[in-house]
Protein backbone atom coordinates (compact mmCIF):
# COMPACT_ATOMS: atom_id res chain seq x y z
CA MET A 1 13.33 -26.22 29.22
CA ALA A 2 12.80 -23.49 26.64
CA THR A 3 10.03 -23.84 24.12
CA THR A 4 10.55 -22.92 20.53
CA THR A 5 8.03 -22.40 17.87
CA SER A 6 8.25 -24.68 14.91
CA PRO A 7 7.85 -23.27 11.40
CA ALA A 8 4.61 -25.24 11.09
CA SER A 9 3.06 -23.38 14.03
CA ALA A 10 4.12 -19.95 12.78
CA PRO A 11 1.39 -18.00 11.01
CA SER A 12 1.73 -18.45 7.27
CA ARG A 13 2.04 -15.44 5.02
CA PRO A 14 2.41 -15.34 1.28
CA LEU A 15 5.98 -15.46 0.10
CA SER A 16 7.27 -12.79 -2.23
CA ARG A 17 8.53 -14.04 -5.57
CA SER A 18 12.18 -13.54 -4.57
CA GLU A 19 11.62 -15.41 -1.28
CA TRP A 20 9.92 -18.22 -3.12
CA VAL A 21 12.69 -18.46 -5.75
CA SER A 22 15.33 -18.60 -3.00
CA THR A 23 13.70 -21.78 -1.65
CA LEU A 24 14.04 -23.59 -4.99
CA PRO A 25 16.79 -25.98 -5.99
CA PRO A 26 19.34 -24.51 -8.42
CA TRP A 27 17.82 -26.03 -11.58
CA ARG A 28 14.39 -24.59 -10.70
CA ARG A 29 15.95 -21.18 -9.97
CA LEU A 30 17.46 -21.26 -13.45
CA LEU A 31 14.05 -22.02 -14.96
CA ALA A 32 12.52 -19.21 -12.91
CA THR A 33 15.09 -16.75 -14.23
CA LEU A 34 14.24 -17.85 -17.78
CA ASN A 35 10.68 -16.65 -17.11
CA TRP A 36 9.34 -20.14 -16.61
CA ARG A 37 5.87 -19.94 -15.08
CA PRO A 38 5.76 -22.02 -11.90
CA VAL A 39 2.60 -23.15 -10.22
CA TYR A 40 3.14 -20.47 -7.58
CA ASP A 41 2.56 -17.68 -10.11
CA ILE A 42 -0.59 -19.38 -11.38
CA GLU A 43 -1.90 -19.75 -7.83
CA MET A 44 -1.18 -16.09 -7.03
CA ARG A 45 -2.92 -14.94 -10.19
CA GLY A 46 -5.87 -17.13 -9.24
CA ARG A 47 -6.06 -15.53 -5.80
CA GLU A 48 -5.89 -12.04 -7.31
CA SER A 49 -8.60 -13.02 -9.76
CA GLU A 50 -10.81 -14.26 -6.91
CA LYS A 51 -10.31 -10.99 -5.01
CA ARG A 52 -11.18 -8.98 -8.13
CA THR A 53 -14.28 -11.11 -8.73
CA LYS A 54 -15.46 -10.53 -5.15
CA GLN A 55 -14.82 -6.79 -5.50
CA LEU A 56 -16.78 -6.65 -8.76
CA GLU A 57 -19.67 -8.61 -7.25
CA SER A 58 -19.75 -6.16 -4.35
CA GLU A 59 -19.77 -3.19 -6.74
CA ILE A 60 -22.56 -4.78 -8.80
CA GLU A 61 -24.64 -5.23 -5.65
CA GLN A 62 -24.07 -1.59 -4.70
CA LEU A 63 -25.15 -0.49 -8.18
CA ARG A 64 -28.31 -2.62 -7.94
CA GLU A 65 -29.16 -0.99 -4.61
CA GLU A 66 -28.59 2.49 -6.05
CA ASN A 67 -30.73 1.65 -9.09
CA ARG A 68 -33.52 0.47 -6.80
CA ARG A 69 -33.32 3.70 -4.80
CA LEU A 70 -33.33 5.81 -7.96
CA ALA A 71 -36.37 3.95 -9.31
CA GLU A 72 -38.16 4.56 -6.01
CA LEU A 73 -37.34 8.28 -6.14
CA GLU A 74 -38.44 8.46 -9.76
CA SER A 75 -41.80 6.90 -8.94
CA ARG A 76 -42.26 9.37 -6.06
CA MET A 77 -41.46 12.28 -8.37
CA ASP A 78 -43.94 10.98 -10.96
CA ALA A 79 -46.62 10.70 -8.29
CA LEU A 80 -45.91 14.24 -7.06
CA LEU A 81 -46.06 15.62 -10.58
CA LEU A 82 -49.36 13.86 -11.29
CA SER A 83 -50.92 15.13 -8.08
CA ALA A 84 -49.65 18.65 -8.78
CA ASP A 85 -51.16 18.56 -12.28
CA SER A 86 -54.54 17.38 -11.04
CA THR A 87 -54.77 19.98 -8.28
CA SER A 88 -53.56 22.93 -10.30
CA GLN A 89 -56.13 25.57 -11.02
CA THR A 90 -56.89 26.76 -14.49
CA PRO A 91 -55.82 30.34 -15.06
CA PRO A 92 -58.65 32.84 -14.77
CA ALA A 93 -60.30 33.64 -18.08
CA THR A 94 -60.03 37.17 -19.30
CA GLY A 95 -63.48 38.61 -19.71
CA SER A 96 -64.37 41.00 -22.47
CA ASN A 97 -66.49 43.87 -21.22
């Protein structure tokens, strides 16, 4: 006996708009061609928005890390400059003979 995979067991992938429209009854296809906004479009925009939000959050975290590193480097540079100023010798005075 041969086994077949049912559509429910197949891995789901997002449908393209044309694939999705082809699954609709004729009256819904007509509405779709009239630029009617189905729930599918709203869901897809929501998913894209979620992805963009996650990407922005990741970029913000990277910027925070870079700002922290820059602040650390700046404090090291300030410390080096202060120590260099305190250890510098005064130029020799010119004596008048």
